[in-house]
Amino acid sequence: AYEDYEDLLELGVAKELARNVLAQGMFTKFMYKTNTRGLMNFLSLRNDERAMYEIRKYAEAIEEVFAEKLPLTHKAFVNNGRVAP
């Protein structure tokens, strides 16, 4: 697997994408704690078109839960241009 990783790097593939051929590149379940401001900061950075596709997918799923559990706060976040306070 490491040889495949090195081959991808030689082809110009970004390290963060090439590492998916390594065992640690597998999806996993995770849980974390945050406050609302930290959550909005995460979403403003990671649910952005410039973020890597994989992290955007996580951010989209997290935002769905945010909108469901804290609808007024989520609405304010969206109305404020998706910028954390």
C-alpha atoms as a PDB file:
ATOM      1  CA  ALA A   1       0.000   0.000   0.000  1.00  0.00           C
ATOM      2  CA  TYR A   2       2.854   2.380   0.767  1.00  0.00           C
ATOM      3  CA  GLU A   3       4.271   1.885  -2.718  1.00  0.00           C
ATOM      4  CA  ASP A   4       0.887   2.850  -4.162  1.00  0.00           C
ATOM      5  CA  TYR A   5       0.954   5.954  -1.964  1.00  0.00           C
ATOM      6  CA  GLU A   6       4.396   6.901  -3.254  1.00  0.00           C
ATOM      7  CA  ASP A   7       3.284   6.284  -6.852  1.00  0.00           C
ATOM      8  CA  LEU A   8       0.348   8.635  -6.388  1.00  0.00           C
ATOM      9  CA  LEU A   9       2.628  11.310  -4.940  1.00  0.00           C
ATOM     10  CA  GLU A  10       4.912  10.980  -7.961  1.00  0.00           C
ATOM     11  CA  LEU A  11       1.866  11.516 -10.186  1.00  0.00           C
ATOM     12  CA  GLY A  12       1.198  14.798  -8.394  1.00  0.00           C
ATOM     13  CA  VAL A  13      -1.737  13.671  -6.256  1.00  0.00           C
ATOM     14  CA  ALA A  14      -2.039  15.710  -3.056  1.00  0.00           C
ATOM     15  CA  LYS A  15      -0.761  13.927   0.072  1.00  0.00           C
ATOM     16  CA  GLU A  16      -4.100  14.226   1.835  1.00  0.00           C
ATOM     17  CA  LEU A  17      -5.826  12.414  -1.046  1.00  0.00           C
ATOM     18  CA  ALA A  18      -3.092   9.883  -1.760  1.00  0.00           C
ATOM     19  CA  ARG A  19      -3.117   8.682   1.845  1.00  0.00           C
ATOM     20  CA  ASN A  20      -6.506   7.092   1.228  1.00  0.00           C
ATOM     21  CA  VAL A  21      -4.718   4.035  -0.174  1.00  0.00           C
ATOM     22  CA  LEU A  22      -3.186   3.504   3.270  1.00  0.00           C
ATOM     23  CA  ALA A  23      -5.078   1.626   5.984  1.00  0.00           C
ATOM     24  CA  GLN A  24      -5.752   4.815   7.969  1.00  0.00           C
ATOM     25  CA  GLY A  25      -7.657   6.257   5.002  1.00  0.00           C
ATOM     26  CA  MET A  26     -10.766   4.258   5.855  1.00  0.00           C
ATOM     27  CA  PHE A  27     -13.911   5.951   7.120  1.00  0.00           C
ATOM     28  CA  THR A  28     -14.588   5.659  10.807  1.00  0.00           C
ATOM     29  CA  LYS A  29     -17.213   6.673  13.310  1.00  0.00           C
ATOM     30  CA  PHE A  30     -16.354   9.482  15.675  1.00  0.00           C
ATOM     31  CA  MET A  31     -17.908  11.639  18.351  1.00  0.00           C
ATOM     32  CA  TYR A  32     -16.791  15.018  19.578  1.00  0.00           C
ATOM     33  CA  LYS A  33     -18.009  17.819  21.799  1.00  0.00           C
ATOM     34  CA  THR A  34     -18.110  21.466  20.865  1.00  0.00           C
ATOM     35  CA  ASN A  35     -19.913  24.653  21.713  1.00  0.00           C
ATOM     36  CA  THR A  36     -22.237  26.389  19.270  1.00  0.00           C
ATOM     37  CA  ARG A  37     -19.683  29.001  18.253  1.00  0.00           C
ATOM     38  CA  GLY A  38     -17.082  26.305  17.552  1.00  0.00           C
ATOM     39  CA  LEU A  39     -19.642  24.350  15.558  1.00  0.00           C
ATOM     40  CA  MET A  40     -20.477  27.367  13.406  1.00  0.00           C
ATOM     41  CA  ASN A  41     -16.777  28.070  12.884  1.00  0.00           C
ATOM     42  CA  PHE A  42     -16.228  24.462  11.777  1.00  0.00           C
ATOM     43  CA  LEU A  43     -19.172  24.668   9.368  1.00  0.00           C
ATOM     44  CA  SER A  44     -18.100  28.010   7.907  1.00  0.00           C
ATOM     45  CA  LEU A  45     -14.652  26.576   7.130  1.00  0.00           C
ATOM     46  CA  ARG A  46     -15.449  22.989   6.198  1.00  0.00           C
ATOM     47  CA  ASN A  47     -18.769  23.380   4.419  1.00  0.00           C
ATOM     48  CA  ASP A  48     -17.118  25.657   1.883  1.00  0.00           C
ATOM     49  CA  GLU A  49     -16.448  24.899  -1.777  1.00  0.00           C
ATOM     50  CA  ARG A  50     -12.692  25.313  -1.182  1.00  0.00           C
ATOM     51  CA  ALA A  51     -12.611  22.589   1.489  1.00  0.00           C
ATOM     52  CA  MET A  52     -11.714  19.024   0.579  1.00  0.00           C
ATOM     53  CA  TYR A  53     -14.637  16.975  -0.672  1.00  0.00           C
ATOM     54  CA  GLU A  54     -14.399  14.417   2.137  1.00  0.00           C
ATOM     55  CA  ILE A  55     -14.563  16.955   4.981  1.00  0.00           C
ATOM     56  CA  ARG A  56     -17.388  18.822   3.218  1.00  0.00           C
ATOM     57  CA  LYS A  57     -19.431  15.624   3.336  1.00  0.00           C
ATOM     58  CA  TYR A  58     -18.920  15.407   7.103  1.00  0.00           C
ATOM     59  CA  ALA A  59     -19.777  19.098   7.473  1.00  0.00           C
ATOM     60  CA  GLU A  60     -22.979  18.681   5.466  1.00  0.00           C
ATOM     61  CA  ALA A  61     -24.102  15.817   7.699  1.00  0.00           C
ATOM     62  CA  ILE A  62     -23.234  17.741  10.857  1.00  0.00           C
ATOM     63  CA  GLU A  63     -25.095  20.805   9.602  1.00  0.00           C
ATOM     64  CA  GLU A  64     -28.244  18.746   9.070  1.00  0.00           C
ATOM     65  CA  VAL A  65     -28.191  17.789  12.745  1.00  0.00           C
ATOM     66  CA  PHE A  66     -27.422  21.399  13.743  1.00  0.00           C
ATOM     67  CA  ALA A  67     -30.434  22.669  11.759  1.00  0.00           C
ATOM     68  CA  GLU A  68     -32.669  20.008  13.308  1.00  0.00           C
ATOM     69  CA  LYS A  69     -31.569  20.470  16.934  1.00  0.00           C
ATOM     70  CA  LEU A  70     -31.022  24.262  16.994  1.00  0.00           C
ATOM     71  CA  PRO A  71     -33.232  25.678  14.231  1.00  0.00           C
ATOM     72  CA  LEU A  72     -33.238  29.305  15.418  1.00  0.00           C
ATOM     73  CA  THR A  73     -29.479  29.396  15.867  1.00  0.00           C
ATOM     74  CA  HIS A  74     -28.961  27.713  12.507  1.00  0.00           C
ATOM     75  CA  LYS A  75     -31.254  30.236  10.831  1.00  0.00           C
ATOM     76  CA  ALA A  76     -29.280  33.108  12.389  1.00  0.00           C
ATOM     77  CA  PHE A  77     -26.042  31.467  11.202  1.00  0.00           C
ATOM     78  CA  VAL A  78     -27.344  31.221   7.634  1.00  0.00           C
ATOM     79  CA  ASN A  79     -28.792  34.756   7.699  1.00  0.00           C
ATOM     80  CA  ASN A  80     -25.417  36.067   8.908  1.00  0.00           C
ATOM     81  CA  GLY A  81     -23.675  34.758   5.807  1.00  0.00           C
ATOM     82  CA  ARG A  82     -22.633  31.485   7.448  1.00  0.00           C
ATOM     83  CA  VAL A  83     -19.983  33.287   9.487  1.00  0.00           C
ATOM     84  CA  ALA A  84     -19.337  32.292  13.094  1.00  0.00           C
ATOM     85  CA  PRO A  85     -19.683  35.130  15.625  1.00  0.00           C
END
